[in-house]
Protein backbone atom coordinates (compact mmCIF):
# COMPACT_ATOMS: atom_id res chain seq x y z
CA MET A 1 123.48 63.85 -57.72
CA ILE A 2 120.40 64.91 -55.60
CA ASN A 3 120.76 68.23 -57.19
CA ARG A 4 120.33 66.86 -60.33
CA ILE A 5 117.56 64.57 -59.37
CA CYS A 6 115.81 67.06 -58.49
CA PHE A 7 116.28 69.12 -61.21
CA LEU A 8 115.15 66.22 -63.74
CA SER A 9 112.00 65.68 -61.82
CA ILE A 10 111.44 69.89 -61.24
CA LEU A 11 111.41 69.35 -65.53
CA LEU A 12 109.53 66.33 -65.75
CA GLY A 13 106.88 67.69 -63.56
CA LEU A 14 106.85 70.88 -65.64
CA PHE A 15 106.94 68.61 -68.99
CA PHE A 16 103.46 67.26 -67.98
CA VAL A 17 101.66 70.00 -66.91
CA SER A 18 102.66 71.79 -70.46
CA ILE A 19 101.40 68.46 -71.88
CA SER A 20 97.67 68.41 -70.04
CA ALA A 21 97.05 71.91 -70.44
CA GLY A 22 97.27 71.71 -74.31
CA LEU A 23 94.82 68.56 -74.21
CA GLN A 24 92.18 70.93 -71.96
CA GLN A 25 89.29 71.53 -73.63
CA LYS A 26 89.79 75.37 -74.96
CA LYS A 27 86.78 76.72 -74.07
CA PRO A 28 84.55 79.07 -77.22
CA SER A 29 84.72 82.39 -77.46
CA PRO A 30 82.24 84.89 -75.65
CA VAL A 31 81.84 86.21 -79.05
CA VAL A 32 80.75 82.56 -80.63
CA MET A 33 78.14 81.52 -77.74
CA GLU A 34 76.70 84.45 -78.37
CA ARG A 35 76.21 84.15 -82.22
CA GLY A 36 75.74 80.80 -81.81
CA LYS A 37 72.70 81.13 -78.95
CA LYS A 38 70.83 83.70 -81.64
CA VAL A 39 71.31 81.30 -84.35
CA TYR A 40 69.76 78.51 -81.60
CA GLU A 41 66.88 81.59 -80.68
CA LYS A 42 66.11 81.57 -84.29
CA GLU A 43 66.08 78.15 -85.75
CA CYS A 44 66.33 75.47 -83.15
CA LEU A 45 64.54 76.55 -79.78
CA GLY A 46 60.93 75.92 -81.14
CA CYS A 47 62.09 72.55 -81.36
CA HIS A 48 64.62 71.54 -78.44
CA GLN A 49 63.42 74.37 -76.29
CA ALA A 50 65.23 77.06 -74.57
CA ASP A 51 67.00 74.38 -71.64
CA GLY A 52 68.03 71.94 -75.36
CA ALA A 53 65.41 68.47 -73.12
CA GLY A 54 63.36 68.43 -76.46
CA THR A 55 60.23 67.34 -76.33
CA PRO A 56 59.28 64.00 -75.61
CA ARG A 57 58.86 61.32 -78.26
CA MET A 58 59.31 64.35 -80.98
CA ASN A 59 62.35 66.93 -80.57
CA PRO A 60 64.97 65.00 -78.99
CA PRO A 61 67.55 66.25 -76.17
CA LEU A 62 70.78 67.45 -77.52
CA ILE A 63 71.59 67.39 -73.58
CA LYS A 64 75.32 65.11 -73.75
CA THR A 65 74.32 62.76 -76.19
CA LYS A 66 76.48 61.14 -78.71
CA TRP A 67 74.85 63.26 -81.61
CA VAL A 68 75.83 66.55 -79.41
CA ILE A 69 79.10 65.68 -78.31
CA GLY A 70 80.36 63.15 -80.79
CA PRO A 71 81.65 63.58 -83.87
CA LYS A 72 80.97 66.89 -85.32
CA GLU A 73 80.80 65.91 -88.84
CA GLN A 74 77.66 63.88 -87.95
CA LEU A 75 76.07 67.14 -86.41
CA ILE A 76 77.46 69.21 -89.48
CA LYS A 77 75.51 66.58 -91.22
CA VAL A 78 72.00 66.54 -89.58
CA VAL A 79 72.01 70.16 -89.79
CA MET A 80 72.09 69.99 -93.61
CA LYS A 81 70.40 67.66 -94.46
CA GLY A 82 67.94 67.17 -91.79
CA ILE A 83 66.85 63.85 -90.73
CA THR A 84 63.65 61.94 -90.92
CA ASP A 85 63.71 58.85 -89.82
CA PRO A 86 62.75 58.01 -86.05
CA LEU A 87 65.39 58.33 -83.17
CA THR A 88 66.23 56.65 -80.93
CA ILE A 89 68.22 58.19 -78.00
CA GLY A 90 69.01 55.99 -74.49
CA ASP A 91 64.70 54.54 -74.66
CA ASP A 92 63.11 57.27 -76.06
CA GLU A 93 62.12 57.31 -79.52
CA TYR A 94 61.59 60.37 -81.35
CA TYR A 95 59.74 61.06 -84.75
CA ASN A 96 59.27 64.93 -85.58
CA PRO A 97 61.54 65.24 -88.60
CA MET A 98 64.16 67.82 -88.78
CA PRO A 99 64.38 69.64 -91.40
CA ALA A 100 66.85 70.88 -93.76
CA HIS A 101 68.70 73.84 -93.47
CA THR A 102 70.37 74.31 -96.56
CA TYR A 103 70.13 77.72 -96.59
CA MET A 104 72.19 78.38 -93.57
CA THR A 105 75.61 79.86 -94.09
CA ASP A 106 78.82 77.96 -92.74
CA GLN A 107 79.50 81.10 -90.37
CA ASP A 108 75.70 79.69 -88.75
CA ILE A 109 76.31 76.17 -88.38
CA SER A 110 79.53 76.28 -86.46
CA ASP A 111 78.63 78.99 -84.45
CA VAL A 112 75.22 77.43 -83.41
CA LEU A 113 76.94 73.95 -83.42
CA THR A 114 79.48 75.24 -80.87
CA TYR A 115 76.73 76.55 -79.10
CA VAL A 116 74.83 73.29 -78.59
CA ARG A 117 78.01 71.31 -77.89
CA ASN A 118 78.51 73.73 -75.32
CA SER A 119 76.01 74.46 -73.55
CA PHE A 120 73.33 72.26 -71.33
CA GLY A 121 76.14 70.33 -69.67
CA ASN A 122 78.04 69.50 -72.62
CA LYS A 123 81.75 70.12 -73.47
CA ALA A 124 82.76 68.95 -76.58
CA SER A 125 85.18 70.87 -79.30
CA ALA A 126 84.10 73.84 -81.18
CA VAL A 127 82.49 73.57 -84.50
CA THR A 128 84.97 75.62 -87.19
CA VAL A 129 83.43 77.26 -90.45
CA ASN A 130 86.39 74.60 -92.05
CA ASP A 131 84.90 71.88 -90.52
CA VAL A 132 81.31 72.99 -92.11
CA LYS A 133 83.39 73.69 -95.69
CA ALA A 134 84.71 69.95 -95.26
CA VAL A 135 81.20 68.21 -94.34
CA ARG A 136 79.59 70.51 -97.05
CA ALA A 137 81.84 69.69 -99.49
CA LYS A 138 81.32 65.86 -99.64
CA LEU A 139 77.86 66.05 -99.55
CA LYS A 140 77.96 67.89 -102.85
């Protein structure tokens, strides 16, 4: 009887370990992060700065905000369509409009958003090319 209980306890423990491992955030590949960094440096750094802190009252930070680590679809739309209205994050308002980046490829958007969602202290799921394609299809 004791052997059975011990065996069942071990099985149950292994089950919970495997479940929690599956739920843990998978880190984006170094290749995706490097491609995303290059796109960031070309397209985003001028406004959002090298550290993602943005510019007070002009360009919002990319650090642990719901805009960045929240729903992927919202963030993809921001890149594709831009933002013209003032944006409030916490107690701060940002007034510099963000242009639409309609010329960026699905791969570029996927890479840069994965990079942003996993840089500057952020830890969020990757944005896939399929995520970007789905949003682009909805916007047509």
